[in-house]
Protein backbone atom coordinates (compact mmCIF):
# COMPACT_ATOMS: atom_id res chain seq x y z
CA UNK A 1 2.69 -4.27 -21.67
CA UNK A 2 6.26 -4.41 -22.01
CA UNK A 3 8.84 -3.91 -19.48
CA UNK A 4 10.86 -0.79 -19.51
CA UNK A 5 13.37 -0.28 -17.12
CA UNK A 6 15.33 2.95 -17.23
CA UNK A 7 17.24 4.76 -14.64
CA UNK A 8 15.60 7.94 -12.59
CA UNK A 9 16.58 9.61 -9.60
CA UNK A 10 14.81 8.45 -6.08
CA UNK A 11 11.21 10.54 -5.45
CA UNK A 12 9.97 10.70 -2.10
CA UNK A 13 8.22 13.12 0.47
CA UNK A 14 9.73 13.65 4.10
CA UNK A 15 7.18 12.71 6.51
CA UNK A 16 7.54 12.16 10.50
CA UNK A 17 4.14 10.98 11.69
CA UNK A 18 3.68 11.37 15.15
CA UNK A 19 -0.01 10.15 17.06
CA UNK A 20 -0.66 12.10 20.10
CA UNK A 21 -2.57 10.21 23.11
CA UNK A 22 -5.99 11.16 24.27
CA UNK A 23 -8.11 10.76 26.96
CA UNK A 24 -11.40 11.38 28.37
CA UNK A 25 -11.99 13.42 31.39
CA UNK A 26 -15.12 13.37 33.77
CA UNK A 27 -18.09 15.35 32.43
CA UNK A 28 -17.51 17.72 35.18
CA UNK A 29 -13.65 18.40 34.46
CA UNK A 30 -12.91 16.56 38.04
CA UNK A 31 -12.89 13.20 39.48
CA UNK A 32 -16.45 12.08 40.59
CA UNK A 33 -16.92 13.13 44.25
CA UNK A 34 -16.19 10.76 47.22
CA UNK A 35 -14.05 8.76 44.37
CA UNK A 36 -10.47 8.53 43.81
CA UNK A 37 -9.12 10.11 40.84
CA UNK A 38 -8.65 7.08 37.97
CA UNK A 39 -5.02 5.84 37.90
CA UNK A 40 -3.81 7.17 34.12
CA UNK A 41 -2.81 4.31 32.09
CA UNK A 42 0.82 4.36 31.92
CA UNK A 43 2.07 5.31 28.25
CA UNK A 44 4.55 3.00 26.57
CA UNK A 45 8.21 4.48 26.58
CA UNK A 46 10.81 3.40 24.51
CA UNK A 47 10.87 1.26 20.97
CA UNK A 48 7.89 -1.14 20.92
CA UNK A 49 6.77 -3.82 18.60
CA UNK A 50 4.20 -2.37 15.82
CA UNK A 51 1.87 -3.68 12.84
CA UNK A 52 2.62 -2.53 9.31
CA UNK A 53 -0.11 -3.00 6.89
CA UNK A 54 0.05 -2.98 2.64
CA UNK A 55 -2.83 -3.22 0.04
CA UNK A 56 -2.67 -3.04 -3.79
CA UNK A 57 -3.94 -0.88 -6.30
CA UNK A 58 -6.77 1.44 -5.99
CA UNK A 59 -7.89 1.47 -9.61
CA UNK A 60 -11.07 3.61 -9.81
CA UNK A 61 -12.61 2.42 -13.16
CA UNK A 62 -15.80 4.54 -14.58
CA UNK A 63 -18.13 2.78 -12.69
CA UNK A 64 -15.85 3.10 -9.64
CA UNK A 65 -16.47 6.86 -9.81
CA UNK A 66 -20.33 6.45 -10.38
CA UNK A 67 -20.57 4.33 -7.61
CA UNK A 68 -18.85 7.27 -5.32
CA UNK A 69 -21.20 9.98 -6.80
CA UNK A 70 -24.01 8.01 -5.79
CA UNK A 71 -22.59 7.10 -2.09
CA UNK A 72 -22.33 11.43 -2.05
CA UNK A 73 -25.46 11.45 -2.87
CA UNK A 74 -25.06 12.54 -6.19
CA UNK A 75 -23.29 15.99 -5.44
CA UNK A 76 -19.61 15.32 -5.23
CA UNK A 77 -17.65 12.11 -4.38
CA UNK A 78 -17.45 9.88 -1.80
CA UNK A 79 -15.33 6.77 -1.55
CA UNK A 80 -15.56 5.96 1.85
CA UNK A 81 -18.52 3.75 1.79
CA UNK A 82 -16.41 1.25 -0.72
CA UNK A 83 -13.46 1.17 1.89
CA UNK A 84 -16.08 0.67 4.90
CA UNK A 85 -15.74 -3.03 4.95
CA UNK A 86 -11.87 -3.27 5.20
CA UNK A 87 -11.57 -0.10 7.44
CA UNK A 88 -11.66 -2.00 10.77
CA UNK A 89 -8.51 -4.40 9.53
CA UNK A 90 -6.60 -0.75 8.25
CA UNK A 91 -7.41 1.35 11.24
CA UNK A 92 -6.28 -1.54 13.72
CA UNK A 93 -2.54 -1.45 12.26
CA UNK A 94 -0.37 0.87 13.61
CA UNK A 95 1.17 2.00 9.82
CA UNK A 96 -1.32 1.41 6.90
CA UNK A 97 0.24 2.18 3.27
CA UNK A 98 -1.43 1.78 -0.02
CA UNK A 99 -1.24 1.96 -3.62
CA UNK A 100 -2.43 4.67 -5.53
CA UNK A 101 -2.40 3.58 -9.12
CA UNK A 102 -3.74 6.76 -11.06
CA UNK A 103 -3.62 10.23 -10.72
CA UNK A 104 -6.28 12.88 -10.03
CA UNK A 105 -8.02 14.97 -12.32
CA UNK A 106 -9.16 18.95 -11.27
CA UNK A 107 -12.17 19.82 -8.86
CA UNK A 108 -15.10 19.30 -10.99
CA UNK A 109 -13.55 16.93 -13.66
CA UNK A 110 -13.43 15.62 -15.92
CA UNK A 111 -12.95 11.98 -14.91
CA UNK A 112 -12.25 9.48 -16.60
CA UNK A 113 -11.49 5.31 -16.67
CA UNK A 114 -9.94 2.90 -18.69
CA UNK A 115 -7.38 3.17 -20.48
CA UNK A 116 -6.09 7.16 -19.16
CA UNK A 117 -7.23 7.24 -15.71
CA UNK A 118 -8.07 10.82 -13.81
CA UNK A 119 -9.97 10.22 -10.72
CA UNK A 120 -11.58 12.61 -8.47
CA UNK A 121 -9.50 13.86 -5.46
CA UNK A 122 -11.85 12.89 -2.75
CA UNK A 123 -10.15 9.80 -3.10
CA UNK A 124 -7.18 10.78 -1.07
CA UNK A 125 -10.00 12.13 1.66
CA UNK A 126 -11.38 7.72 1.78
CA UNK A 127 -7.87 6.56 2.02
CA UNK A 128 -6.93 8.87 5.08
CA UNK A 129 -10.07 8.57 6.64
CA UNK A 130 -9.60 4.37 6.42
CA UNK A 131 -6.55 4.72 8.71
CA UNK A 132 -3.88 4.79 5.27
CA UNK A 133 -0.82 7.37 6.77
CA UNK A 134 1.09 6.65 3.42
CA UNK A 135 0.21 5.93 -0.49
CA UNK A 136 2.70 5.14 -3.20
CA UNK A 137 2.18 6.71 -6.70
CA UNK A 138 4.63 5.40 -8.80
CA UNK A 139 2.76 2.90 -11.78
CA UNK A 140 2.58 2.73 -15.43
CA UNK A 141 -0.38 5.27 -14.88
CA UNK A 142 1.53 8.18 -13.30
CA UNK A 143 2.19 9.99 -16.29
CA UNK A 144 -1.55 9.73 -17.40
CA UNK A 145 -1.85 13.29 -17.32
CA UNK A 146 1.56 14.16 -17.41
CA UNK A 147 2.86 16.39 -14.81
CA UNK A 148 -0.31 18.35 -14.03
CA UNK A 149 -1.72 15.33 -12.78
CA UNK A 150 0.92 14.44 -10.40
CA UNK A 151 0.69 17.82 -8.93
CA UNK A 152 -2.85 17.58 -8.26
CA UNK A 153 -2.84 14.05 -6.60
CA UNK A 154 0.45 14.98 -4.48
CA UNK A 155 -1.59 18.04 -3.70
CA UNK A 156 -4.95 16.38 -2.47
CA UNK A 157 -2.83 14.38 -0.31
CA UNK A 158 -1.02 16.78 1.37
CA UNK A 159 -4.41 18.49 2.03
CA UNK A 160 -5.44 15.39 3.61
CA UNK A 161 -2.03 14.54 5.55
CA UNK A 162 -1.72 11.69 3.90
CA UNK A 163 2.03 10.77 3.28
CA UNK A 164 3.58 9.86 -0.85
CA UNK A 165 6.20 8.43 -2.08
CA UNK A 166 7.03 7.30 -5.77
CA UNK A 167 6.19 10.63 -7.69
CA UNK A 168 7.22 14.23 -7.09
CA UNK A 169 6.30 17.85 -8.37
CA UNK A 170 10.24 19.44 -7.98
CA UNK A 171 13.54 18.26 -8.07
CA UNK A 172 13.96 18.72 -4.46
CA UNK A 173 10.87 16.74 -3.33
CA UNK A 174 11.79 13.76 -5.49
CA UNK A 175 15.43 13.95 -3.77
CA UNK A 176 13.96 13.07 -0.17
CA UNK A 177 13.27 10.00 1.50
CA UNK A 178 9.65 9.07 2.56
CA UNK A 179 9.93 8.70 6.12
CA UNK A 180 7.15 7.60 8.74
CA UNK A 181 6.98 6.49 12.24
CA UNK A 182 5.47 3.55 14.19
CA UNK A 183 6.82 2.03 17.42
CA UNK A 184 9.49 4.41 17.97
CA UNK A 185 10.83 3.62 14.98
CA UNK A 186 11.33 5.16 11.80
CA UNK A 187 10.57 3.88 8.41
CA UNK A 188 11.61 4.58 4.97
CA UNK A 189 9.63 4.19 2.04
CA UNK A 190 10.96 3.80 -1.43
CA UNK A 191 8.48 3.39 -4.76
CA UNK A 192 9.38 2.47 -8.19
CA UNK A 193 7.53 1.35 -11.47
CA UNK A 194 8.67 -0.85 -14.62
CA UNK A 195 7.66 2.13 -17.10
CA UNK A 196 4.49 4.72 -17.86
CA UNK A 197 2.71 2.68 -20.94
CA UNK A 198 5.26 4.46 -23.37
CA UNK A 199 4.96 7.80 -22.01
CA UNK A 200 8.48 9.83 -22.33
CA UNK A 201 9.33 11.05 -18.78
CA UNK A 202 9.04 14.95 -19.07
CA UNK A 203 12.38 16.25 -20.67
CA UNK A 204 11.92 19.39 -17.93
CA UNK A 205 11.37 16.55 -15.35
CA UNK A 206 12.91 13.62 -15.34
CA UNK A 207 12.57 13.02 -11.94
CA UNK A 208 8.36 13.40 -11.89
CA UNK A 209 8.38 9.17 -11.58
CA UNK A 210 10.63 6.76 -10.32
CA UNK A 211 11.55 3.73 -12.46
CA UNK A 212 12.78 0.70 -11.59
CA UNK A 213 16.49 0.16 -11.74
CA UNK A 214 18.16 -2.12 -9.44
CA UNK A 215 21.27 -0.07 -8.29
CA UNK A 216 19.43 2.97 -7.82
CA UNK A 217 16.86 1.19 -5.40
CA UNK A 218 20.00 -0.15 -3.40
CA UNK A 219 21.57 3.18 -3.29
CA UNK A 220 18.56 4.59 -2.04
CA UNK A 221 17.61 2.21 0.88
CA UNK A 222 20.89 2.56 1.79
CA UNK A 223 20.92 6.43 1.86
CA UNK A 224 17.69 5.71 3.87
CA UNK A 225 19.32 3.36 6.09
CA UNK A 226 22.09 6.06 6.83
CA UNK A 227 20.12 8.74 7.21
CA UNK A 228 18.36 6.97 10.54
CA UNK A 229 15.73 4.30 8.62
CA UNK A 230 15.28 1.45 11.39
CA UNK A 231 13.05 -0.35 8.25
CA UNK A 232 12.97 0.21 4.91
CA UNK A 233 10.16 -1.01 3.00
CA UNK A 234 10.46 -1.02 -1.18
CA UNK A 235 6.96 -0.77 -2.78
CA UNK A 236 7.10 -1.79 -6.71
CA UNK A 237 5.14 -1.88 -9.85
CA UNK A 238 6.05 -4.44 -11.61
CA UNK A 239 5.04 -8.21 -13.04
CA UNK A 240 3.00 -9.54 -15.56
CA UNK A 241 -1.04 -8.84 -15.70
CA UNK A 242 -3.28 -11.99 -15.30
CA UNK A 243 -0.37 -14.10 -14.30
CA UNK A 244 -0.56 -15.86 -10.93
CA UNK A 245 3.31 -16.75 -10.68
CA UNK A 246 5.82 -13.60 -10.78
CA UNK A 247 7.79 -13.55 -14.02
CA UNK A 248 11.77 -13.59 -14.35
CA UNK A 249 11.94 -9.66 -13.60
CA UNK A 250 10.19 -10.31 -10.57
CA UNK A 251 12.19 -13.27 -9.33
CA UNK A 252 15.57 -11.88 -10.59
CA UNK A 253 15.02 -8.29 -8.99
CA UNK A 254 13.27 -9.67 -5.78
CA UNK A 255 16.79 -11.88 -5.19
CA UNK A 256 18.96 -9.28 -5.94
CA UNK A 257 17.26 -6.55 -3.77
CA UNK A 258 17.10 -9.28 -0.96
CA UNK A 259 20.52 -10.53 -1.10
CA UNK A 260 22.22 -7.02 -0.33
CA UNK A 261 23.05 -5.74 3.08
CA UNK A 262 25.78 -6.31 5.38
CA UNK A 263 25.62 -9.94 6.56
CA UNK A 264 22.77 -12.16 8.16
CA UNK A 265 20.12 -10.40 9.95
CA UNK A 266 21.51 -6.87 8.13
CA UNK A 267 19.58 -6.91 4.70
CA UNK A 268 19.57 -2.95 2.76
CA UNK A 269 15.91 -4.23 2.18
CA UNK A 270 13.12 -5.30 5.01
CA UNK A 271 10.03 -5.61 2.79
CA UNK A 272 9.39 -5.48 -0.77
CA UNK A 273 5.38 -5.22 -1.63
CA UNK A 274 4.60 -5.67 -5.31
CA UNK A 275 1.64 -4.38 -7.53
CA UNK A 276 0.61 -3.93 -10.86
CA UNK A 277 -0.71 -7.53 -11.76
CA UNK A 278 -4.15 -7.25 -10.72
CA UNK A 279 -4.23 -10.37 -9.29
CA UNK A 280 -2.94 -12.18 -6.00
CA UNK A 281 0.40 -13.05 -6.20
CA UNK A 282 2.47 -15.31 -4.06
CA UNK A 283 4.60 -13.99 -0.81
CA UNK A 284 8.03 -15.50 -0.36
CA UNK A 285 10.61 -15.01 2.54
CA UNK A 286 14.33 -14.00 0.73
CA UNK A 287 17.15 -14.68 3.48
CA UNK A 288 15.67 -11.73 5.98
CA UNK A 289 13.61 -9.96 3.46
CA UNK A 290 10.19 -10.76 2.82
CA UNK A 291 8.81 -10.30 -0.54
CA UNK A 292 5.14 -9.63 -1.68
CA UNK A 293 5.01 -10.42 -5.69
CA UNK A 294 1.84 -8.99 -6.24
CA UNK A 295 -1.22 -7.61 -3.80
CA UNK A 296 -4.08 -7.66 -6.48
CA UNK A 297 -6.23 -4.67 -6.50
CA UNK A 298 -7.99 -4.00 -3.85
CA UNK A 299 -10.47 -1.26 -5.48
CA UNK A 300 -11.35 -1.82 -9.11
CA UNK A 301 -14.15 -2.42 -11.07
CA UNK A 302 -15.30 -4.80 -13.82
CA UNK A 303 -11.58 -6.29 -14.75
CA UNK A 304 -11.25 -8.18 -18.36
CA UNK A 305 -8.02 -9.64 -19.62
CA UNK A 306 -6.23 -9.64 -22.72
CA UNK A 307 -9.01 -11.67 -24.94
CA UNK A 308 -11.67 -9.56 -23.44
CA UNK A 309 -12.81 -12.19 -20.87
CA UNK A 310 -14.28 -10.93 -17.46
CA UNK A 311 -11.90 -12.20 -14.88
CA UNK A 312 -13.00 -11.85 -10.96
CA UNK A 313 -9.43 -12.73 -9.67
CA UNK A 314 -9.10 -8.71 -10.87
CA UNK A 315 -11.25 -8.12 -8.18
CA UNK A 316 -9.43 -10.28 -5.45
CA UNK A 317 -6.40 -9.03 -3.16
CA UNK A 318 -4.67 -9.81 0.07
CA UNK A 319 -3.62 -7.37 2.60
CA UNK A 320 0.11 -7.92 3.89
CA UNK A 321 0.22 -7.40 7.94
CA UNK A 322 3.64 -7.58 9.21
CA UNK A 323 4.37 -7.22 13.13
CA UNK A 324 7.59 -5.64 13.60
CA UNK A 325 9.69 -6.01 16.90
CA UNK A 326 12.57 -3.78 17.91
CA UNK A 327 16.12 -4.76 18.27
CA UNK A 328 16.76 -7.68 21.02
CA UNK A 329 20.09 -5.90 21.77
CA UNK A 330 21.81 -2.78 21.07
CA UNK A 331 23.07 -2.58 17.99
CA UNK A 332 20.90 -5.21 16.20
CA UNK A 333 17.90 -4.53 13.72
CA UNK A 334 14.19 -4.08 14.01
CA UNK A 335 12.93 -7.76 12.25
CA UNK A 336 9.56 -8.59 11.16
CA UNK A 337 8.47 -10.81 13.91
CA UNK A 338 4.93 -12.33 12.56
CA UNK A 339 4.00 -12.20 8.57
CA UNK A 340 0.32 -12.55 7.98
CA UNK A 341 -2.16 -11.91 5.14
CA UNK A 342 -5.87 -10.93 5.11
CA UNK A 343 -7.95 -11.80 1.74
CA UNK A 344 -10.00 -9.36 0.40
CA UNK A 345 -12.51 -8.97 -2.57
CA UNK A 346 -14.61 -6.07 -4.40
CA UNK A 347 -17.59 -7.12 -4.52
CA UNK A 348 -19.17 -5.91 -7.36
CA UNK A 349 -22.63 -5.61 -6.15
CA UNK A 350 -24.51 -3.33 -6.89
CA UNK A 351 -23.06 -1.10 -4.79
CA UNK A 352 -19.41 -2.04 -5.19
CA UNK A 353 -17.53 -2.40 -1.72
CA UNK A 354 -14.56 -4.04 -0.76
CA UNK A 355 -14.66 -6.87 1.90
CA UNK A 356 -12.73 -8.75 4.64
CA UNK A 357 -13.52 -11.70 2.32
CA UNK A 358 -12.57 -13.87 5.90
CA UNK A 359 -15.93 -11.90 7.42
CA UNK A 360 -17.68 -12.30 4.35
CA UNK A 361 -17.57 -16.05 3.82
CA UNK A 362 -18.21 -16.27 7.57
CA UNK A 363 -21.18 -14.21 7.26
CA UNK A 364 -22.85 -15.76 4.49
CA UNK A 365 -21.30 -19.32 3.81
CA UNK A 366 -23.53 -19.75 1.10
CA UNK A 367 -21.31 -17.94 -1.04
CA UNK A 368 -19.77 -20.51 -3.16
CA UNK A 369 -17.77 -17.88 -5.33
CA UNK A 370 -16.77 -15.89 -2.14
CA UNK A 371 -15.46 -19.41 -1.10
CA UNK A 372 -13.52 -20.02 -3.82
CA UNK A 373 -12.26 -16.90 -4.14
CA UNK A 374 -10.68 -17.12 -0.51
CA UNK A 375 -9.36 -20.62 -1.38
CA UNK A 376 -7.61 -19.09 -4.50
CA UNK A 377 -5.73 -16.43 -2.79
CA UNK A 378 -4.83 -18.78 0.21
CA UNK A 379 -3.16 -21.01 -2.59
CA UNK A 380 -1.68 -18.48 -4.60
CA UNK A 381 -0.28 -16.50 -1.69
CA UNK A 382 1.47 -19.57 -0.15
CA UNK A 383 2.70 -20.98 -3.38
CA UNK A 384 6.30 -20.40 -3.29
CA UNK A 385 7.09 -21.99 0.78
CA UNK A 386 5.85 -18.44 2.33
CA UNK A 387 3.66 -20.99 4.82
CA UNK A 388 7.37 -22.40 5.91
CA UNK A 389 8.76 -19.53 7.19
CA UNK A 390 5.64 -18.43 9.10
CA UNK A 391 3.02 -16.86 6.56
CA UNK A 392 -0.23 -17.85 7.98
CA UNK A 393 -3.92 -16.12 7.21
CA UNK A 394 -4.78 -13.60 10.24
CA UNK A 395 -7.33 -15.24 12.09
CA UNK A 396 -10.72 -13.25 12.35
CA UNK A 397 -11.19 -10.76 14.53
């Protein structure tokens, strides 16, 4: 696909997430007779380290939609079983964000796969129940069903309490940053795409989806920082499909975005999370900013290259997990203190299931194809020297 670069206003939805504490009382509602009441566990006060997990393209092809219908018993659609294998990893993160590549169709359908996608809105429920707090929605498929598709997608996410950024229903919504909370920090998420498969932005709604523009991204990041964001995350749909190595646009833009800031330890952008290439790509720390050039497809059907050859790499991906620590002293910034990746695979079964590849290989060491996938992901992820900056594959739980 040709790379398109256009200027566009930032799109995001403001959202502050709070997680209430909970406790289990004695069945009688009182302390057991003859014993002291249990001492409540102290609630952490003040800023604390937290984990941020990011995953790749959710791309429901026709066979994935059919699998969801079968998992729902033939009535409706249930995407939960497909994500059950990675739900423990997602749910263990303090803040998890995903990439929703497609737009949703109306209740009852029709739903379509490649090349013009309309996915069942039940995808949003499954993502929320898996543990995601937010999904970016800027991709080359965002305009597959015009503004109506965007509205249905964001409405469905709102209905289940899933935050979103990258596309918008109104100019007012497009002008607000997306804000999330974790560990006492405010995390701002922004999202952009290289283009929309040649579909023009709606004349009446030029703000419908954010397109990549370096100056616009930096302006949005600085505005988010000025508005109180402790961490600025940019989700970006870019790169060359089926190419292991980042392309020139990725390398140049990542360098320019990472270089911007107020000096050492004070970047404008803390994390860059890439999608679109359909296959895993490298991680790299540039200055103080971690960049994931391509996370790969988290959920997809059979994937074919441009010469119509099925390529298993289209079902391989990594989950990026960053531990973010609070400032060591007043006036300093939150920083990424640990960088990890978790390899995952969409097992084409049947049934179709997303698996934690570490656990899959451990449970079934005889699967040479899974072992090859894990080694390929590890090799590509570390191919730009990220290990020397501290990146490692997360240990199995």
